[in-house]
């Protein structure tokens, strides 16, 4: 886990996605077919892949990115190919009982039963349109609503961390305004009920509230590798802001 110093704006410049040799393309297609056979819900949707991130000299961060699809995560199983990094967002929703964390469903790419801060990988904008921080903020707000039922206007989200995660992905973390715990539970229960009515399985099967890494020990399931460090970082940013 590596947190990046980026108090200033995030700037994004699009570059071509690295080409694969024919035998690598063939191997990737074969592995994707095997993955879909094992999990028919896998979807080769569009994603932002990150090719580098460095300080821009003005307190911000310059990120080089390319358009790709989700199957490129399987390149991590091919040692002769440079490991791709994806761009993801996470939103900390505070309550008096702690920050909301969710337990992932079996069909998600994160793996069944892992506790995470709500979020997900970022989709690229329409062809010809640039990627910028406000689009990422909007994506974070949308993920929070889709996974927990808590609707927050994107402008109300505040960025509190940028990091290289243990899996090599680049993450942008936001914080939402505090909400009462009962309200969050009620909204999540309504989300689950709606999913049952639609005969769908939501991305999160349960939620809980934690304040420190020590709280993770009481959860039924395995915390994501990055979760303890994220909780510590979030607590320190709130303390520094006097909250």
Protein backbone atom coordinates (compact mmCIF):
# COMPACT_ATOMS: atom_id res chain seq x y z
CA UNK A 1 0.00 0.00 0.00
CA UNK A 2 1.39 3.37 -1.01
CA UNK A 3 -0.44 6.64 -0.46
CA UNK A 4 0.40 9.40 -2.94
CA UNK A 5 0.78 13.04 -1.97
CA UNK A 6 -1.78 14.81 -4.10
CA UNK A 7 -3.54 17.70 -2.41
CA UNK A 8 -3.95 19.47 -5.74
CA UNK A 9 -6.07 18.50 -8.75
CA UNK A 10 -5.86 15.15 -10.50
CA UNK A 11 -5.13 15.51 -14.22
CA UNK A 12 -5.57 12.72 -16.75
CA UNK A 13 -4.00 12.28 -20.15
CA UNK A 14 -5.16 9.51 -22.49
CA UNK A 15 -2.63 7.27 -24.24
CA UNK A 16 -3.04 4.20 -26.48
CA UNK A 17 -3.59 0.89 -24.73
CA UNK A 18 -0.45 -1.30 -24.97
CA UNK A 19 -0.71 -3.79 -27.81
CA UNK A 20 -0.47 -7.53 -27.24
CA UNK A 21 1.28 -10.04 -29.44
CA UNK A 22 -1.04 -12.47 -31.30
CA UNK A 23 -0.16 -15.37 -28.99
CA UNK A 24 -0.90 -13.18 -25.96
CA UNK A 25 -4.28 -12.18 -27.41
CA UNK A 26 -5.07 -15.84 -28.01
CA UNK A 27 -4.06 -16.81 -24.47
CA UNK A 28 -6.11 -13.97 -23.03
CA UNK A 29 -9.19 -15.02 -25.01
CA UNK A 30 -8.79 -18.62 -23.86
CA UNK A 31 -8.47 -17.63 -20.20
CA UNK A 32 -11.45 -15.30 -20.45
CA UNK A 33 -13.53 -18.13 -21.90
CA UNK A 34 -12.53 -20.35 -19.00
CA UNK A 35 -13.42 -17.60 -16.54
CA UNK A 36 -16.87 -17.05 -18.05
CA UNK A 37 -17.50 -20.80 -18.00
CA UNK A 38 -16.71 -20.83 -14.26
CA UNK A 39 -18.67 -17.63 -13.58
CA UNK A 40 -21.27 -16.80 -16.28
CA UNK A 41 -21.91 -13.42 -14.63
CA UNK A 42 -18.46 -12.13 -15.59
CA UNK A 43 -18.84 -9.14 -17.90
CA UNK A 44 -16.14 -7.77 -20.16
CA UNK A 45 -17.17 -4.17 -19.60
CA UNK A 46 -15.10 -1.04 -20.33
CA UNK A 47 -12.57 0.05 -17.71
CA UNK A 48 -9.88 2.66 -17.25
CA UNK A 49 -6.42 1.11 -17.14
CA UNK A 50 -3.63 3.17 -15.58
CA UNK A 51 -0.20 3.27 -17.22
CA UNK A 52 1.48 5.63 -14.78
CA UNK A 53 0.97 8.36 -12.20
CA UNK A 54 3.44 10.99 -11.06
CA UNK A 55 3.41 14.40 -9.33
CA UNK A 56 2.70 17.27 -11.70
CA UNK A 57 4.99 19.71 -9.84
CA UNK A 58 2.04 21.77 -8.65
CA UNK A 59 0.82 19.63 -5.78
CA UNK A 60 -1.39 17.52 -7.99
CA UNK A 61 -1.05 14.24 -9.83
CA UNK A 62 -0.77 13.45 -13.54
CA UNK A 63 -2.26 10.10 -14.50
CA UNK A 64 -1.68 8.40 -17.87
CA UNK A 65 -4.58 6.15 -18.78
CA UNK A 66 -5.97 4.06 -21.62
CA UNK A 67 -9.29 2.50 -22.57
CA UNK A 68 -9.52 -1.24 -22.03
CA UNK A 69 -12.00 -3.92 -21.04
CA UNK A 70 -12.25 -5.91 -17.85
CA UNK A 71 -10.72 -9.08 -19.26
CA UNK A 72 -7.30 -7.41 -19.17
CA UNK A 73 -7.13 -8.17 -15.44
CA UNK A 74 -6.32 -11.73 -16.51
CA UNK A 75 -3.00 -10.46 -17.89
CA UNK A 76 -1.83 -10.57 -14.28
CA UNK A 77 -1.68 -14.34 -14.69
CA UNK A 78 0.70 -13.99 -17.66
CA UNK A 79 4.22 -13.22 -16.33
CA UNK A 80 5.55 -12.17 -19.73
CA UNK A 81 3.04 -9.28 -19.91
CA UNK A 82 3.32 -6.01 -18.00
CA UNK A 83 0.75 -6.14 -15.20
CA UNK A 84 -2.11 -3.74 -15.95
CA UNK A 85 -3.48 -1.41 -13.28
CA UNK A 86 -7.10 -0.34 -13.09
CA UNK A 87 -8.51 2.89 -11.70
CA UNK A 88 -10.99 2.43 -8.85
CA UNK A 89 -12.93 4.62 -6.45
CA UNK A 90 -14.00 4.08 -2.83
CA UNK A 91 -16.31 6.23 -0.72
CA UNK A 92 -16.19 6.34 3.07
CA UNK A 93 -19.68 6.94 4.45
CA UNK A 94 -19.30 7.98 8.11
CA UNK A 95 -21.94 7.46 10.79
CA UNK A 96 -21.79 7.81 14.59
CA UNK A 97 -21.27 4.01 14.67
CA UNK A 98 -18.32 4.14 12.27
CA UNK A 99 -17.58 3.98 8.56
CA UNK A 100 -19.82 1.80 6.39
CA UNK A 101 -18.19 -1.35 5.04
CA UNK A 102 -19.87 -3.98 2.89
CA UNK A 103 -19.47 -7.73 2.46
CA UNK A 104 -19.11 -8.63 -1.21
CA UNK A 105 -21.36 -11.13 -2.95
CA UNK A 106 -20.03 -14.37 -4.43
CA UNK A 107 -20.27 -13.20 -8.04
CA UNK A 108 -18.14 -10.06 -7.66
CA UNK A 109 -14.54 -9.85 -8.85
CA UNK A 110 -13.39 -9.03 -5.32
CA UNK A 111 -14.40 -12.49 -4.14
CA UNK A 112 -17.16 -13.74 -1.85
CA UNK A 113 -17.35 -12.48 1.72
CA UNK A 114 -14.69 -9.78 1.60
CA UNK A 115 -15.35 -6.61 3.54
CA UNK A 116 -14.66 -3.44 1.56
CA UNK A 117 -15.38 0.25 1.48
CA UNK A 118 -18.12 0.74 -1.17
CA UNK A 119 -16.71 1.50 -4.61
CA UNK A 120 -15.56 -0.07 -7.85
CA UNK A 121 -13.53 0.23 -11.01
CA UNK A 122 -13.98 3.34 -13.13
CA UNK A 123 -15.45 3.20 -16.62
CA UNK A 124 -13.95 5.45 -19.32
CA UNK A 125 -15.93 8.36 -20.73
CA UNK A 126 -17.44 8.20 -24.20
CA UNK A 127 -14.90 8.05 -27.06
CA UNK A 128 -13.37 11.44 -27.74
CA UNK A 129 -14.28 12.82 -24.32
CA UNK A 130 -11.60 13.43 -21.66
CA UNK A 131 -11.40 11.80 -18.27
CA UNK A 132 -11.33 14.24 -15.36
CA UNK A 133 -11.77 14.26 -11.60
CA UNK A 134 -15.41 15.31 -11.63
CA UNK A 135 -16.33 12.25 -13.69
CA UNK A 136 -14.52 10.09 -11.16
CA UNK A 137 -16.34 11.83 -8.32
CA UNK A 138 -19.65 11.16 -10.06
CA UNK A 139 -18.70 7.52 -10.46
CA UNK A 140 -17.91 7.29 -6.74
CA UNK A 141 -21.32 8.76 -5.84
CA UNK A 142 -23.05 6.34 -8.20
CA UNK A 143 -21.21 3.32 -6.75
CA UNK A 144 -22.16 4.34 -3.21
CA UNK A 145 -25.82 4.58 -4.20
CA UNK A 146 -25.86 1.32 -6.15
CA UNK A 147 -24.14 -0.66 -3.38
CA UNK A 148 -25.65 0.81 -0.21
CA UNK A 149 -28.77 2.74 -1.26
CA UNK A 150 -27.29 5.95 0.16
CA UNK A 151 -27.67 8.75 -2.39
CA UNK A 152 -25.13 11.58 -2.14
CA UNK A 153 -24.69 14.41 -4.69
CA UNK A 154 -21.28 14.08 -6.29
CA UNK A 155 -20.21 17.67 -5.35
CA UNK A 156 -20.66 16.72 -1.68
CA UNK A 157 -17.90 14.10 -1.86
CA UNK A 158 -14.44 15.15 -0.64
CA UNK A 159 -11.25 13.43 -1.81
CA UNK A 160 -9.11 12.25 1.11
CA UNK A 161 -6.62 9.80 -0.41
CA UNK A 162 -4.99 8.58 -3.62
CA UNK A 163 -3.15 5.29 -3.39
CA UNK A 164 -1.51 2.39 -5.12
CA UNK A 165 -3.36 -0.63 -3.72
CA UNK A 166 -1.63 -3.95 -2.91
CA UNK A 167 -3.02 -5.44 -6.14
CA UNK A 168 -1.36 -2.67 -8.17
CA UNK A 169 -4.51 -0.66 -8.91
CA UNK A 170 -4.73 3.11 -8.48
CA UNK A 171 -7.45 4.20 -6.09
CA UNK A 172 -9.13 7.55 -5.47
CA UNK A 173 -10.94 7.68 -2.12
CA UNK A 174 -13.73 10.10 -1.26
CA UNK A 175 -15.65 10.89 1.90
CA UNK A 176 -19.39 11.53 2.14
CA UNK A 177 -21.19 13.76 4.66
CA UNK A 178 -22.12 11.93 7.91
CA UNK A 179 -25.43 10.07 8.05
CA UNK A 180 -27.28 8.50 11.01
CA UNK A 181 -26.66 4.75 11.31
CA UNK A 182 -30.41 3.85 11.29
CA UNK A 183 -30.90 5.79 8.06
CA UNK A 184 -28.05 3.92 6.35
CA UNK A 185 -29.39 0.56 7.55
CA UNK A 186 -32.87 1.46 6.33
CA UNK A 187 -31.63 2.46 2.88
CA UNK A 188 -29.56 -0.70 2.54
CA UNK A 189 -32.50 -2.88 3.63
CA UNK A 190 -34.65 -1.21 0.98
CA UNK A 191 -31.94 -1.86 -1.62
CA UNK A 192 -31.84 -5.57 -0.71
CA UNK A 193 -35.64 -5.84 -0.81
CA UNK A 194 -35.72 -4.25 -4.26
CA UNK A 195 -33.03 -6.68 -5.47
CA UNK A 196 -35.07 -9.65 -4.24
CA UNK A 197 -38.14 -8.34 -6.03
CA UNK A 198 -36.12 -7.99 -9.24
CA UNK A 199 -34.58 -11.45 -8.71
CA UNK A 200 -31.12 -9.92 -8.72
CA UNK A 201 -28.17 -10.41 -6.40
CA UNK A 202 -26.70 -7.12 -5.11
CA UNK A 203 -22.97 -6.46 -5.02
CA UNK A 204 -22.98 -6.28 -1.21
CA UNK A 205 -24.75 -8.95 0.82
CA UNK A 206 -24.44 -7.10 4.15
CA UNK A 207 -23.11 -3.90 5.69
CA UNK A 208 -21.54 -3.06 9.04
CA UNK A 209 -19.84 -0.13 10.73
CA UNK A 210 -16.18 0.08 11.79
CA UNK A 211 -13.94 2.82 13.16
CA UNK A 212 -10.53 1.19 13.55
CA UNK A 213 -8.72 -1.86 12.12
CA UNK A 214 -9.37 -3.63 15.44
CA UNK A 215 -13.12 -3.53 14.69
CA UNK A 216 -12.56 -5.77 11.66
CA UNK A 217 -11.94 -8.80 13.91
CA UNK A 218 -15.63 -9.07 14.79
CA UNK A 219 -16.82 -9.15 11.16
CA UNK A 220 -17.99 -12.41 9.60
CA UNK A 221 -15.64 -12.66 6.64
CA UNK A 222 -12.23 -11.52 5.46
CA UNK A 223 -11.38 -7.81 5.19
CA UNK A 224 -9.88 -6.66 1.88
CA UNK A 225 -6.11 -6.37 2.12
CA UNK A 226 -6.19 -2.58 1.86
CA UNK A 227 -9.02 -2.03 4.36
CA UNK A 228 -7.01 -1.69 7.63
CA UNK A 229 -4.66 0.91 6.13
CA UNK A 230 -7.58 2.79 4.59
CA UNK A 231 -9.36 3.00 7.94
CA UNK A 232 -6.25 4.36 9.62
CA UNK A 233 -5.69 6.89 6.84
CA UNK A 234 -9.31 8.03 6.91
CA UNK A 235 -9.25 8.47 10.68
CA UNK A 236 -6.08 10.56 10.43
CA UNK A 237 -7.52 12.82 7.72
CA UNK A 238 -10.67 13.44 9.77
CA UNK A 239 -8.57 14.19 12.85
CA UNK A 240 -6.43 16.59 10.85
CA UNK A 241 -9.57 18.33 9.62
CA UNK A 242 -10.83 18.66 13.19
CA UNK A 243 -13.86 16.41 12.65
